[in-house]
């Protein structure tokens, strides 16, 4: 394990032979008009330990020589399928690369142009580079936002008021543009009916083990009285990541980010330290459904503990006010969604609460570890058990669960069925 200052950087895994400097020449020629040659090419790990779960993410650093003899430096972020064969096959079956490429290449540019047509300049994320090589199906290449000073927040501390409002404002823009596009151009492809497009459910054993670990830990959260209800709920509730989106009559629908939490959002700051721009990452799990999905995801997983419950309804109200503003700007042809309707939708889609708080939130709150990865999470024995014990016994998790579990329980969100 390499150390940089006090920060441990994960070792670089074995990479495919075709990921070499030749793949980037076409992009360098586009980014540097006076490009002459590549002087130095290096691939490094990116992010901290346990920050990427579904894909392998690396940073490609390149020094180039220009026609006048001077040199320049740049870098790109590259997302690849994992090298572990079993995990690789499973993630490939989800079709997340297909979805993300389509979103970056087609829909995001459309959404941005819609705002531009209404005299508002909006950018949703990093520049996308589409390679023309045969290996293009195996990877996604993006601008390295670190070159422009973009940063993630500290996930364990969560989003403060300013960051949460910036996130909800940008989310409202994304949702509004996607809803207006639907009205003008019709339905999104079937890829967007689900977060993960699996042909078979490979998560049943994982979900059962996760549920047993959570239920066993309930006394830690002074919540043992929920045991029976949680056992019943977890035995019949579907995997929301693989489920088709339910439809409720008259409900506002849009393209959701689908994996909307703090690790997938980056911020740029001005000289005074104020937020100047908010960008989204990882558009690989988008689903066309109620915006309740993204709202439950972000508000319960990533907002700072001191705001999560006291300001939950305020944040829904703030998002709604921005959504209506942007729908109006883009001339949405349907009746505008109401605030009451949005609160009803959050209850109707409340089955997202359990996976967010039982899986995503603990991963956000625990300390960084190289063992926090998809292989360990799927392990049903020693290493997997160790990770689950760490997740459900961590002091930050215990602190939040003491409020969050009763919050969900008292709203009937651990009851599954048509009459819930």
Foldseek 3Di string as FASTA:
>chain_A
DDDDPNADADFDDDDDPPPDPVQCPVVVVVVDVQFDAWDDWDKAADDGAQLDFFWGKIKIKTWTAGNVRDIDIFIKIKTFGDPPVVSSVQSVQQCLLVQVVCCLPPVQVQLQVLVVVLVDGDHAAWHWDQTPDPCSSGMTITGDCVVQVKDFDQLQQFDEPQRLLQVLLSQLSQFLSQLLCCVVPNDDDPSQQAQGAHPDDPCLVLLVLLLVLQLVLCVLLVRVVCNVLLVVLSVPPDDRRHDGEDDDPPARKGKHLQQAERSQKIFHADPVRHTDDIHGHRSRRIHIYHNLLNLLQYLLAGHGLVCSPVCSLVSLVSSLVSNQVNNVSSVPPDDRDDSVSNVVVNLVPLLSNVCNLSPRNLSSNADRDNLNYNVLSPDPDDSVVVVSCRSSVPPSSSVNCSPSVCVCVVSVSSHDDPVD
